[in-house]
Amino acid sequence: MRYKKTISQNGMKIKAKLDSFKVAAAFLAIFIFLLVSSAVQAQTRKAAARPNLPPDFDGLVARVLKTFEVPGLSLAIVKDGQVLLARGYGVKKLGQPDPVDSRTLFGIASNSKVFTAVALGMLVDEGRIRWEAPVIDYLPEFQMFDPTVSREITVRDLLCHRCGLGLGAGDLMLWPASDLNRKEILRRVRYIKPASSFRTTYAYNNIMFVVAGELLERVSGMRWEDFVREKIQKKVGMEWSNTSCALVEREENVAWPHVPLEGKVVPVRTLYLTENVNPAGGINSCAEDMARWMLVLLNNGKLADGSQLVSERVMNAITSIVTPIPVSKPAPELAPAAVNFNGYGLGLRIRDYRRYKVLTHTGGLEGYVSQVWLMPEIGLGVTVLTNQESTAAFAALTNQIVDYYLKAPKFDWVEAYARFSERNARRSKEELDKIYASRKKDTRPSLPLQEYAGLYGDAWYGEVEIREEGGRLTIRFKHSPELYGQLEHWHYDTFVARWFDRELRADAFVTFNLDQEGKVGEVKMLPFSSDVDFSYDYQDLLLKPVLKDKK
């Protein structure tokens, strides 16, 4: 019995030990679970804090800067209502160490146009204007060349590039910087001849946005600059931005513009234009502020506090195609960028990319180019602001970013745009070679040089003076101080205006047409090559003698 009892007692001890072991094992398992769970949660929090950006993102941006010779850029990415990135890269000015940061200002140029559309949309919400109302209801003095168009053109027509004017028509009143104010430009629009029938053709223009800025002021009682700053930028939280090209020289944290000149990228001398261009392209902004702006646009006009900057109805009007744009096949290097639909809304272009709807715009001023890219279906927005005139840079970077979020097939956009740019450079050289080969050598002007001199006037631009000075001719645009240069004889009665400011890169053919008396009856101009920016709309000028210079 004692033996059995001992066995029983030992069994009870063994059982107790086994039970204790099971309890300890259970506690250990719980401890390990909690430890692993805590580690997973920490990793999750860490992953959530880290932006979901393409791999080796900084390396991608550095490659873009180097490939396209861009000194600096400002980049903002938003996704699903959150700011993933607002950062500067590179330097503000070549030869100086100051880096671009998230608050460094760049000229956003025509990306200002949607601000003008939103500003007018706010007046639509308030019932103070209607999209379909004739412009003359608010600006009775406004006239186009065709009286019928003057009566019919609406507020909506001002914002969608279908007014009948040609590409860039009237831009010489805006840049290079002119002394014509917006009210004077409004008066002169009536003298610009149309290039197509009203509402039939898409042709990008800036002048109608200047008119829109005047309409905004007339109805609201506030200058465009003040309205956009007080009622849009401040509400959105765009703390660092401003609303005028003329203000950029007063800013400390600003990216200096650069241009490619004679094979080398250099800083330009001037930083600003006059205020007349502001409703079409005058805003200066940065990565932080553009991120906030994109969030509002992607959220149908809703601000961060939940209130509406503009109604969804107005946003639908702004982001719907009004003017169709013909779909063209992309360059062979850029095949994945093919579009299925293309058009312009109100201050925004609407197209597709890899079958997703895109709201976008680009901007260009001397030394600055930029792009804003919005994809509402996936909640993505990208803004790239640069201080060099390489559109390939912002396009390659944007497409590479977008492809990551779309999980698109792998494609090297940097390499593709590099090859595209090289081919364009070859095309430009071939075009120039043909232009110089077409020159008729050993020809002389029909008249002595002093017979070409005089004051000439164009109905919409104004006066251009040609003088004979020391055996050569000079040309000076009275309202545009930078358009001053020498007339180099080309052939027969055609000369080439070589501007003394070579940063303009906008030389022009100047042809004197003689009348039946053998005197100059009119002067016509054309851009020297297709590389001259379209805003130098020399072809729209018809210069007639005003008076002869008797000196």
Protein backbone atom coordinates (compact mmCIF):
# COMPACT_ATOMS: atom_id res chain seq x y z
CA MET A 1 0.00 0.00 0.00
CA ARG A 2 2.85 2.32 0.83
CA TYR A 3 4.39 1.52 -2.56
CA LYS A 4 1.17 2.25 -4.35
CA LYS A 5 0.75 5.41 -2.34
CA THR A 6 4.27 6.51 -3.27
CA ILE A 7 3.56 5.87 -6.91
CA SER A 8 0.34 7.80 -6.63
CA GLN A 9 2.03 10.70 -4.88
CA ASN A 10 4.81 10.73 -7.44
CA GLY A 11 2.22 10.71 -10.20
CA MET A 12 0.47 13.65 -8.63
CA LYS A 13 3.81 15.51 -8.43
CA ILE A 14 4.60 14.74 -12.06
CA LYS A 15 1.10 15.87 -13.09
CA ALA A 16 1.50 19.07 -11.10
CA LYS A 17 4.83 19.75 -12.79
CA LEU A 18 3.27 19.11 -16.21
CA ASP A 19 0.43 21.50 -15.41
CA SER A 20 2.91 24.14 -14.29
CA PHE A 21 4.88 23.66 -17.51
CA LYS A 22 1.71 24.05 -19.60
CA VAL A 23 0.83 27.30 -17.80
CA ALA A 24 4.35 28.64 -18.30
CA ALA A 25 4.27 27.66 -21.96
CA ALA A 26 0.93 29.39 -22.38
CA PHE A 27 2.29 32.58 -20.78
CA LEU A 28 5.38 32.34 -22.98
CA ALA A 29 3.23 31.94 -26.10
CA ILE A 30 1.13 34.96 -25.09
CA PHE A 31 4.30 36.97 -24.42
CA ILE A 32 5.79 36.02 -27.80
CA PHE A 33 2.47 36.83 -29.51
CA LEU A 34 2.33 40.24 -27.85
CA LEU A 35 5.98 40.87 -28.70
CA VAL A 36 5.49 39.93 -32.36
CA SER A 37 2.22 41.86 -32.54
CA SER A 38 3.91 44.93 -31.09
CA ALA A 39 6.72 44.61 -33.61
CA VAL A 40 4.23 44.24 -36.48
CA GLN A 41 2.28 47.26 -35.27
CA ALA A 42 5.51 49.27 -35.02
CA GLN A 43 6.45 48.25 -38.54
CA THR A 44 2.94 49.16 -39.73
CA ARG A 45 3.16 52.56 -38.08
CA LYS A 46 6.62 53.06 -39.55
CA ALA A 47 5.36 52.03 -43.01
CA ALA A 48 2.37 54.34 -42.68
CA ALA A 49 4.67 57.22 -41.72
CA ARG A 50 6.90 56.54 -44.72
CA PRO A 51 5.41 57.88 -47.99
CA ASN A 52 4.56 55.31 -50.61
CA LEU A 53 6.96 56.58 -53.26
CA PRO A 54 8.54 54.85 -56.26
CA PRO A 55 11.75 52.94 -55.40
CA ASP A 56 15.00 54.93 -55.42
CA PHE A 57 12.91 58.06 -55.85
CA ASP A 58 15.67 60.55 -55.09
CA GLY A 59 17.82 58.77 -57.64
CA LEU A 60 15.07 59.17 -60.25
CA VAL A 61 14.83 62.92 -59.63
CA ALA A 62 18.62 63.29 -59.73
CA ARG A 63 18.69 61.47 -63.06
CA VAL A 64 16.02 63.81 -64.48
CA LEU A 65 17.94 66.89 -63.35
CA LYS A 66 21.16 65.63 -64.89
CA THR A 67 19.69 64.26 -68.13
CA PHE A 68 17.77 67.43 -69.01
CA GLU A 69 20.19 69.96 -67.46
CA VAL A 70 17.68 71.37 -64.99
CA PRO A 71 19.29 73.29 -62.09
CA GLY A 72 16.37 72.81 -59.69
CA LEU A 73 12.79 71.66 -59.35
CA SER A 74 9.95 71.67 -56.86
CA LEU A 75 7.85 68.51 -56.61
CA ALA A 76 4.53 67.75 -54.93
CA ILE A 77 2.69 64.41 -54.86
CA VAL A 78 -0.70 63.87 -53.26
CA LYS A 79 -2.61 60.60 -53.06
CA ASP A 80 -5.98 59.71 -51.56
CA GLY A 81 -6.32 63.01 -49.73
CA GLN A 82 -2.82 62.97 -48.25
CA VAL A 83 0.38 64.83 -49.13
CA LEU A 84 3.00 62.17 -49.86
CA LEU A 85 5.75 64.57 -50.86
CA ALA A 86 6.39 68.32 -51.03
CA ARG A 87 10.07 68.88 -51.59
CA GLY A 88 12.69 70.80 -53.52
CA TYR A 89 15.62 69.34 -55.43
CA GLY A 90 18.73 70.90 -56.93
CA VAL A 91 19.73 74.55 -56.67
CA LYS A 92 17.98 77.87 -57.11
CA LYS A 93 20.69 79.28 -59.37
CA LEU A 94 23.62 77.73 -61.19
CA GLY A 95 26.94 78.60 -59.61
CA GLN A 96 25.40 79.19 -56.18
CA PRO A 97 24.88 76.58 -53.43
CA ASP A 98 21.41 77.64 -52.18
CA PRO A 99 19.18 74.55 -52.49
CA VAL A 100 15.58 74.53 -53.64
CA ASP A 101 13.28 73.70 -50.73
CA SER A 102 9.56 72.97 -50.39
CA ARG A 103 8.77 76.70 -50.15
CA THR A 104 10.97 77.99 -52.97
CA LEU A 105 8.87 79.96 -55.46
CA PHE A 106 8.73 79.24 -59.18
CA GLY A 107 6.70 80.96 -61.87
CA ILE A 108 3.86 78.52 -62.64
CA ALA A 109 2.89 80.48 -65.78
CA SER A 110 -0.26 79.10 -67.46
CA ASN A 111 -1.03 76.88 -64.50
CA SER A 112 -2.48 80.17 -63.25
CA LYS A 113 -5.35 79.87 -65.74
CA VAL A 114 -7.39 77.47 -63.63
CA PHE A 115 -7.23 79.98 -60.76
CA THR A 116 -8.93 82.49 -63.07
CA ALA A 117 -11.58 79.90 -63.95
CA VAL A 118 -12.19 79.08 -60.27
CA ALA A 119 -12.38 82.79 -59.41
CA LEU A 120 -15.10 83.34 -62.02
CA GLY A 121 -16.75 80.13 -60.83
CA MET A 122 -17.05 81.65 -57.36
CA LEU A 123 -19.00 84.53 -58.91
CA VAL A 124 -21.19 81.99 -60.72
CA ASP A 125 -21.94 80.32 -57.37
CA GLU A 126 -22.89 83.71 -55.95
CA GLY A 127 -25.24 84.37 -58.88
CA ARG A 128 -23.28 87.45 -59.95
CA ILE A 129 -22.36 86.10 -63.40
CA ARG A 130 -23.43 83.22 -65.64
CA TRP A 131 -21.16 81.06 -67.80
CA GLU A 132 -23.56 81.46 -70.74
CA ALA A 133 -23.97 85.23 -70.42
CA PRO A 134 -22.40 87.47 -73.10
CA VAL A 135 -19.19 89.16 -71.98
CA ILE A 136 -20.68 92.54 -72.96
CA ASP A 137 -23.26 92.13 -70.17
CA TYR A 138 -20.37 92.78 -67.79
CA LEU A 139 -17.88 94.63 -70.02
CA PRO A 140 -20.05 96.69 -72.40
CA GLU A 141 -16.99 98.21 -74.11
CA PHE A 142 -15.52 94.82 -75.08
CA GLN A 143 -15.32 94.14 -78.80
CA MET A 144 -13.87 91.46 -81.04
CA PHE A 145 -12.93 92.03 -84.70
CA ASP A 146 -16.25 90.55 -85.85
CA PRO A 147 -19.28 92.42 -84.41
CA THR A 148 -21.29 89.20 -84.34
CA VAL A 149 -18.67 87.56 -82.14
CA SER A 150 -18.64 90.65 -79.93
CA ARG A 151 -22.33 90.09 -79.25
CA GLU A 152 -22.17 86.32 -78.84
CA ILE A 153 -18.93 85.57 -76.98
CA THR A 154 -19.71 84.38 -73.43
CA VAL A 155 -17.88 84.16 -70.13
CA ARG A 156 -17.30 80.45 -70.81
CA ASP A 157 -15.75 81.25 -74.21
CA LEU A 158 -13.05 83.36 -72.54
CA LEU A 159 -11.67 80.29 -70.76
CA CYS A 160 -11.58 77.52 -73.37
CA HIS A 161 -9.57 78.69 -76.43
CA ARG A 162 -12.33 78.69 -79.06
CA CYS A 163 -12.79 82.42 -79.71
CA GLY A 164 -11.45 82.27 -83.29
CA LEU A 165 -8.09 83.93 -82.66
CA GLY A 166 -4.95 82.19 -83.86
CA LEU A 167 -2.35 80.51 -81.67
CA GLY A 168 -0.90 83.10 -79.31
CA ALA A 169 -2.59 85.99 -81.12
CA GLY A 170 -1.98 89.30 -79.35
CA ASP A 171 0.69 87.90 -77.04
CA LEU A 172 3.18 90.58 -78.10
CA MET A 173 1.11 92.93 -75.93
CA LEU A 174 2.06 90.72 -72.95
CA TRP A 175 5.65 89.58 -73.49
CA PRO A 176 8.37 90.31 -73.55
CA ALA A 177 7.28 92.74 -70.85
CA SER A 178 5.22 95.59 -72.31
CA ASP A 179 3.95 98.88 -70.91
CA LEU A 180 0.36 98.17 -71.97
CA ASN A 181 -1.99 97.68 -69.03
CA ARG A 182 -4.93 95.26 -69.04
CA LYS A 183 -7.51 97.91 -69.78
CA GLU A 184 -5.55 99.07 -72.83
CA ILE A 185 -5.15 95.47 -73.98
CA LEU A 186 -8.91 94.99 -73.59
CA ARG A 187 -9.46 97.96 -75.91
CA ARG A 188 -7.02 96.66 -78.55
CA VAL A 189 -8.43 93.12 -78.84
CA ARG A 190 -11.00 94.41 -81.37
CA TYR A 191 -8.22 94.94 -83.93
CA ILE A 192 -6.88 91.37 -83.92
CA LYS A 193 -8.17 89.53 -86.97
CA PRO A 194 -9.53 86.01 -86.41
CA ALA A 195 -7.78 82.95 -87.80
CA SER A 196 -10.85 80.69 -87.79
CA SER A 197 -14.60 80.81 -87.31
CA PHE A 198 -15.94 81.39 -83.83
CA ARG A 199 -16.24 78.22 -81.69
CA THR A 200 -15.00 75.91 -84.44
CA THR A 201 -11.31 75.50 -83.69
CA TYR A 202 -9.06 75.02 -80.67
CA ALA A 203 -6.26 77.60 -80.69
CA TYR A 204 -4.42 78.32 -77.45
CA ASN A 205 -4.45 81.97 -76.43
CA ASN A 206 -3.68 84.15 -73.43
CA ILE A 207 -5.45 87.37 -74.32
CA MET A 208 -8.94 86.06 -73.48
CA PHE A 209 -7.76 85.24 -69.95
CA VAL A 210 -6.59 88.84 -69.62
CA VAL A 211 -10.14 89.85 -70.60
CA ALA A 212 -11.45 87.38 -68.01
CA GLY A 213 -9.32 89.10 -65.38
CA GLU A 214 -10.86 92.45 -66.29
CA LEU A 215 -14.35 90.95 -66.11
CA LEU A 216 -13.58 89.56 -62.65
CA GLU A 217 -12.48 93.00 -61.47
CA ARG A 218 -15.50 94.75 -62.97
CA VAL A 219 -18.01 92.42 -61.28
CA SER A 220 -16.25 91.81 -57.95
CA GLY A 221 -14.74 95.25 -57.44
CA MET A 222 -11.37 93.60 -56.65
CA ARG A 223 -8.27 93.40 -58.81
CA TRP A 224 -7.58 89.91 -60.09
CA GLU A 225 -4.41 89.75 -57.96
CA ASP A 226 -6.28 90.64 -54.75
CA PHE A 227 -9.27 88.39 -55.44
CA VAL A 228 -7.14 85.32 -56.12
CA ARG A 229 -4.89 85.97 -53.13
CA GLU A 230 -7.62 86.74 -50.60
CA LYS A 231 -10.45 84.48 -51.73
CA ILE A 232 -8.53 81.49 -53.14
CA GLN A 233 -4.92 81.17 -52.03
CA LYS A 234 -5.49 82.14 -48.39
CA LYS A 235 -8.54 79.88 -48.07
CA VAL A 236 -6.64 76.96 -49.59
CA GLY A 237 -3.68 77.59 -47.27
CA MET A 238 -1.24 78.61 -49.99
CA GLU A 239 0.83 80.59 -47.52
CA TRP A 240 3.94 81.22 -49.59
CA SER A 241 2.46 81.89 -53.03
CA ASN A 242 1.75 85.25 -54.63
CA THR A 243 -0.28 86.43 -57.61
CA SER A 244 2.01 88.55 -59.75
CA CYS A 245 5.06 88.10 -61.95
CA ALA A 246 6.16 91.54 -60.80
CA LEU A 247 6.35 90.38 -57.16
CA VAL A 248 8.93 87.66 -57.68
CA GLU A 249 11.89 90.05 -57.51
CA ARG A 250 10.83 90.99 -53.97
CA GLU A 251 10.91 87.40 -52.72
CA GLU A 252 13.95 85.96 -50.96
CA ASN A 253 13.24 82.26 -51.48
CA VAL A 254 12.85 82.15 -55.25
CA ALA A 255 14.27 79.91 -57.98
CA TRP A 256 16.18 81.82 -60.62
CA PRO A 257 15.04 81.12 -64.21
CA HIS A 258 17.46 79.53 -66.69
CA VAL A 259 17.46 79.09 -70.46
CA PRO A 260 19.51 77.06 -72.96
CA LEU A 261 21.60 79.58 -74.88
CA GLU A 262 24.18 78.68 -77.53
CA GLY A 263 24.48 75.12 -76.26
CA LYS A 264 24.71 76.00 -72.57
CA VAL A 265 22.13 76.46 -69.80
CA VAL A 266 22.52 79.92 -68.23
CA PRO A 267 20.59 82.10 -65.75
CA VAL A 268 18.54 84.84 -67.39
CA ARG A 269 18.98 88.44 -66.36
CA THR A 270 15.36 89.33 -65.70
CA LEU A 271 13.09 87.65 -63.20
CA TYR A 272 9.73 89.22 -63.86
CA LEU A 273 7.16 90.53 -66.29
CA THR A 274 4.59 93.27 -65.94
CA GLU A 275 1.27 92.62 -64.23
CA ASN A 276 -0.78 92.63 -67.43
CA VAL A 277 -0.13 88.89 -67.90
CA ASN A 278 -1.20 87.79 -64.42
CA PRO A 279 -4.69 86.32 -65.13
CA ALA A 280 -3.11 84.17 -67.86
CA GLY A 281 0.15 83.26 -66.16
CA GLY A 282 1.29 85.41 -63.24
CA ILE A 283 1.24 83.18 -60.14
CA ASN A 284 4.41 82.14 -58.31
CA SER A 285 4.12 79.06 -56.11
CA CYS A 286 5.96 76.18 -54.48
CA ALA A 287 5.65 72.47 -53.67
CA GLU A 288 3.88 72.90 -50.32
CA ASP A 289 1.26 75.25 -51.70
CA MET A 290 0.66 73.35 -54.93
CA ALA A 291 0.08 70.17 -52.89
CA ARG A 292 -2.73 71.94 -51.02
CA TRP A 293 -4.17 73.29 -54.26
CA MET A 294 -4.21 69.84 -55.88
CA LEU A 295 -6.06 68.38 -52.89
CA VAL A 296 -8.84 70.97 -53.32
CA LEU A 297 -9.14 70.32 -57.06
CA LEU A 298 -9.17 66.54 -56.57
CA ASN A 299 -11.85 66.89 -53.88
CA ASN A 300 -14.32 68.73 -56.13
CA GLY A 301 -13.54 72.14 -54.69
CA LYS A 302 -13.78 71.13 -51.03
CA LEU A 303 -11.37 72.80 -48.58
CA ALA A 304 -9.53 71.08 -45.73
CA ASP A 305 -12.14 72.29 -43.21
CA GLY A 306 -14.94 70.64 -45.20
CA SER A 307 -16.37 73.82 -46.70
CA GLN A 308 -16.61 74.36 -50.46
CA LEU A 309 -14.33 76.85 -52.17
CA VAL A 310 -16.58 76.43 -55.21
CA SER A 311 -19.53 74.14 -55.72
CA GLU A 312 -19.28 70.71 -57.30
CA ARG A 313 -21.47 72.08 -60.10
CA VAL A 314 -18.81 74.70 -60.91
CA MET A 315 -16.03 72.12 -60.66
CA ASN A 316 -17.92 69.90 -63.10
CA ALA A 317 -18.07 72.82 -65.54
CA ILE A 318 -14.34 73.49 -65.16
CA THR A 319 -13.33 69.84 -65.58
CA SER A 320 -15.59 68.94 -68.52
CA ILE A 321 -14.46 69.21 -72.14
CA VAL A 322 -15.79 72.34 -73.83
CA THR A 323 -13.43 72.55 -76.79
CA PRO A 324 -12.34 69.27 -78.42
CA ILE A 325 -8.66 68.98 -79.37
CA PRO A 326 -7.73 66.66 -82.25
CA VAL A 327 -6.07 63.45 -81.12
CA SER A 328 -2.68 62.96 -82.72
CA LYS A 329 -0.30 60.04 -82.64
CA PRO A 330 2.62 60.53 -80.23
CA ALA A 331 6.24 60.47 -81.31
CA PRO A 332 7.53 56.91 -81.70
CA GLU A 333 9.71 57.24 -78.60
CA LEU A 334 6.64 58.13 -76.53
CA ALA A 335 4.18 55.48 -77.73
CA PRO A 336 2.69 54.65 -74.27
CA ALA A 337 1.56 58.31 -73.98
CA ALA A 338 -1.06 57.85 -76.74
CA VAL A 339 -4.42 59.41 -75.92
CA ASN A 340 -7.95 58.31 -76.76
CA PHE A 341 -9.64 61.63 -76.04
CA ASN A 342 -8.38 65.17 -75.71
CA GLY A 343 -9.96 68.53 -75.03
CA TYR A 344 -9.99 71.72 -73.01
CA GLY A 345 -12.35 72.64 -70.19
CA LEU A 346 -12.14 75.95 -68.35
CA GLY A 347 -8.50 76.64 -67.55
CA LEU A 348 -7.67 72.91 -67.67
CA ARG A 349 -6.91 70.37 -70.35
CA ILE A 350 -8.79 67.06 -70.15
CA ARG A 351 -7.27 63.94 -71.69
CA ASP A 352 -6.52 60.35 -70.81
CA TYR A 353 -3.36 58.49 -69.87
CA ARG A 354 -3.32 54.69 -70.00
CA ARG A 355 -7.15 54.96 -70.22
CA TYR A 356 -7.53 57.00 -67.01
CA LYS A 357 -8.95 60.52 -67.10
CA VAL A 358 -6.41 63.28 -66.53
CA LEU A 359 -6.92 66.95 -65.67
CA THR A 360 -3.74 68.76 -66.53
CA HIS A 361 -2.00 71.93 -67.61
CA THR A 362 1.50 73.04 -68.41
CA GLY A 363 3.07 76.44 -67.99
CA GLY A 364 5.95 78.28 -69.59
CA LEU A 365 7.61 81.63 -68.99
CA GLU A 366 11.15 82.64 -69.78
CA GLY A 367 13.27 80.26 -67.71
CA TYR A 368 10.37 78.40 -66.04
CA VAL A 369 8.27 75.44 -67.19
CA SER A 370 5.84 73.40 -65.10
CA GLN A 371 3.12 70.78 -65.14
CA VAL A 372 0.13 69.97 -62.92
CA TRP A 373 -1.34 66.47 -63.37
CA LEU A 374 -4.52 65.26 -61.64
CA MET A 375 -6.09 61.78 -61.86
CA PRO A 376 -9.37 61.86 -59.90
CA GLU A 377 -10.14 58.15 -60.43
CA ILE A 378 -7.12 57.11 -58.37
CA GLY A 379 -6.87 60.22 -56.17
CA LEU A 380 -3.44 61.16 -57.50
CA GLY A 381 -1.95 64.59 -58.12
CA VAL A 382 1.56 65.53 -59.25
CA THR A 383 3.06 68.99 -59.70
CA VAL A 384 6.53 69.59 -61.11
CA LEU A 385 7.91 73.15 -61.18
CA THR A 386 11.30 73.74 -62.82
CA ASN A 387 13.69 76.62 -63.40
CA GLN A 388 14.81 75.59 -66.89
CA GLU A 389 12.85 75.35 -70.12
CA SER A 390 12.89 71.56 -70.48
CA THR A 391 9.36 70.26 -70.91
CA ALA A 392 10.89 66.80 -71.30
CA ALA A 393 12.03 66.95 -67.66
CA PHE A 394 8.62 67.47 -66.11
CA ALA A 395 6.95 65.06 -68.55
CA ALA A 396 9.42 62.23 -67.92
CA LEU A 397 9.26 62.65 -64.15
CA THR A 398 5.47 62.87 -64.03
CA ASN A 399 4.95 59.83 -66.24
CA GLN A 400 7.44 57.77 -64.22
CA ILE A 401 5.62 58.67 -61.00
CA VAL A 402 2.16 57.99 -62.42
CA ASP A 403 3.20 54.61 -63.84
CA TYR A 404 4.25 53.50 -60.36
CA TYR A 405 0.81 54.17 -58.88
CA LEU A 406 -0.95 52.63 -61.87
CA LYS A 407 1.31 49.55 -61.67
CA ALA A 408 1.83 50.07 -65.39
CA PRO A 409 4.24 48.02 -67.51
CA LYS A 410 7.83 49.05 -66.94
CA PHE A 411 8.91 51.88 -69.24
CA ASP A 412 11.90 54.21 -68.98
CA TRP A 413 10.41 57.65 -69.58
CA VAL A 414 13.69 59.44 -68.88
CA GLU A 415 15.44 57.54 -71.63
CA ALA A 416 12.45 57.94 -73.96
CA TYR A 417 12.28 61.72 -73.53
CA ALA A 418 16.05 61.99 -73.85
CA ARG A 419 15.86 60.30 -77.28
CA PHE A 420 12.84 62.43 -78.19
CA SER A 421 14.74 65.60 -77.25
CA GLU A 422 17.77 64.54 -79.26
CA ARG A 423 15.61 63.96 -82.32
CA ASN A 424 14.00 67.38 -81.89
CA ALA A 425 17.44 68.97 -81.67
CA ARG A 426 18.41 67.29 -84.95
CA ARG A 427 15.17 68.50 -86.53
CA SER A 428 15.86 72.05 -85.41
CA LYS A 429 19.34 71.94 -86.90
CA GLU A 430 18.02 70.54 -90.17
CA GLU A 431 15.35 73.26 -90.30
CA LEU A 432 17.95 75.99 -89.75
CA ASP A 433 20.18 74.46 -92.41
CA LYS A 434 17.27 74.62 -94.88
CA ILE A 435 16.48 78.22 -93.92
CA TYR A 436 20.06 79.33 -94.52
CA ALA A 437 20.26 77.29 -97.74
CA SER A 438 17.17 79.08 -99.05
CA ARG A 439 18.81 82.48 -98.67
CA LYS A 440 19.32 84.18 -102.03
CA LYS A 441 22.88 85.31 -101.92
CA ASP A 442 24.36 88.29 -103.78
CA THR A 443 21.06 90.19 -103.66
CA ARG A 444 20.66 93.76 -102.54
CA PRO A 445 17.83 95.82 -101.03
CA SER A 446 15.70 97.70 -103.56
CA LEU A 447 16.13 101.01 -101.71
CA PRO A 448 18.84 102.86 -99.83
CA LEU A 449 18.69 101.91 -96.15
CA GLN A 450 17.36 105.29 -95.07
CA GLU A 451 14.27 104.73 -97.26
CA TYR A 452 13.23 101.82 -95.03
CA ALA A 453 13.54 103.92 -91.89
CA GLY A 454 10.47 105.42 -90.31
CA LEU A 455 7.68 104.94 -87.84
CA TYR A 456 5.28 102.06 -88.54
CA GLY A 457 2.06 101.17 -86.79
CA ASP A 458 -0.02 98.04 -86.31
CA ALA A 459 -3.70 98.32 -85.39
CA TRP A 460 -3.55 96.14 -82.28
CA TYR A 461 0.09 96.33 -81.17
CA GLY A 462 0.95 99.94 -81.84
CA GLU A 463 4.16 101.55 -83.06
CA VAL A 464 7.43 100.01 -84.25
CA GLU A 465 10.30 102.29 -85.15
CA ILE A 466 12.98 101.52 -87.73
CA ARG A 467 16.00 103.80 -87.84
CA GLU A 468 19.10 104.10 -89.96
CA GLU A 469 22.06 104.49 -87.64
CA GLY A 470 25.66 104.49 -88.80
CA GLY A 471 25.00 102.59 -92.00
CA ARG A 472 22.75 99.96 -90.47
CA LEU A 473 19.07 99.60 -89.64
CA THR A 474 17.70 99.08 -86.14
CA ILE A 475 14.20 98.10 -85.07
CA ARG A 476 12.48 98.97 -81.80
CA PHE A 477 9.02 97.94 -80.57
CA LYS A 478 7.74 101.00 -78.72
CA HIS A 479 5.74 99.11 -76.05
CA SER A 480 8.31 96.31 -75.53
CA PRO A 481 11.76 97.59 -74.48
CA GLU A 482 13.44 94.21 -74.93
CA LEU A 483 12.40 94.03 -78.59
CA TYR A 484 15.24 96.23 -79.80
CA GLY A 485 17.77 94.97 -82.30
CA GLN A 486 19.61 95.23 -85.58
CA LEU A 487 18.11 94.49 -88.99
CA GLU A 488 20.52 92.24 -90.84
CA HIS A 489 19.96 92.10 -94.60
CA TRP A 490 18.82 88.63 -95.64
CA HIS A 491 17.89 88.90 -99.30
CA TYR A 492 15.99 91.31 -101.57
CA ASP A 493 13.77 93.43 -99.27
CA THR A 494 13.79 90.96 -96.42
CA PHE A 495 15.87 91.50 -93.28
CA VAL A 496 16.28 89.56 -90.07
CA ALA A 497 15.69 91.24 -86.71
CA ARG A 498 18.53 90.11 -84.46
CA TRP A 499 17.55 91.26 -80.97
CA PHE A 500 20.37 92.67 -78.88
CA ASP A 501 19.04 90.65 -75.95
CA ARG A 502 20.03 87.20 -77.18
CA GLU A 503 18.21 85.54 -74.28
CA LEU A 504 14.95 86.17 -76.14
CA ARG A 505 15.81 83.53 -78.78
CA ALA A 506 13.10 85.09 -80.94
CA ASP A 507 14.67 86.51 -84.10
CA ALA A 508 12.26 87.40 -86.89
CA PHE A 509 12.10 87.91 -90.62
CA VAL A 510 11.11 91.47 -91.56
CA THR A 511 9.90 91.98 -95.13
CA PHE A 512 9.28 95.40 -96.67
CA ASN A 513 6.63 95.39 -99.38
CA LEU A 514 6.91 98.27 -101.83
CA ASP A 515 3.93 100.12 -103.31
CA GLN A 516 3.41 101.25 -106.90
CA GLU A 517 5.57 104.29 -106.24
CA GLY A 518 8.50 102.20 -105.08
CA LYS A 519 8.07 103.25 -101.48
CA VAL A 520 7.47 101.02 -98.46
CA GLY A 521 3.73 100.32 -98.34
CA GLU A 522 3.69 97.77 -95.51
CA VAL A 523 5.96 95.60 -93.40
CA LYS A 524 5.29 91.97 -92.47
CA MET A 525 7.11 89.78 -89.99
CA LEU A 526 7.51 86.06 -89.37
CA PRO A 527 9.35 84.03 -86.71
CA PHE A 528 12.80 83.06 -87.94
CA SER A 529 12.15 79.36 -87.24
CA SER A 530 9.63 77.08 -85.57
CA ASP A 531 11.77 77.12 -82.42
CA VAL A 532 10.67 80.69 -81.70
CA ASP A 533 8.02 80.60 -78.96
CA PHE A 534 4.48 80.97 -80.30
CA SER A 535 3.86 84.00 -78.11
CA TYR A 536 6.07 86.03 -80.41
CA ASP A 537 3.15 86.31 -82.81
CA TYR A 538 4.97 88.44 -85.40
CA GLN A 539 2.83 86.91 -88.14
CA ASP A 540 -0.24 88.72 -86.78
CA LEU A 541 1.31 92.16 -87.33
CA LEU A 542 0.62 94.31 -90.36
CA LEU A 543 2.82 97.38 -90.06
CA LYS A 544 1.93 100.47 -92.08
CA PRO A 545 3.98 103.67 -92.37
CA VAL A 546 2.88 106.31 -89.86
CA LEU A 547 5.36 108.99 -90.80
CA LYS A 548 8.77 109.14 -92.37
CA ASP A 549 11.85 109.84 -90.32
CA LYS A 550 13.36 112.95 -91.94
CA LYS A 551 16.59 112.83 -89.98
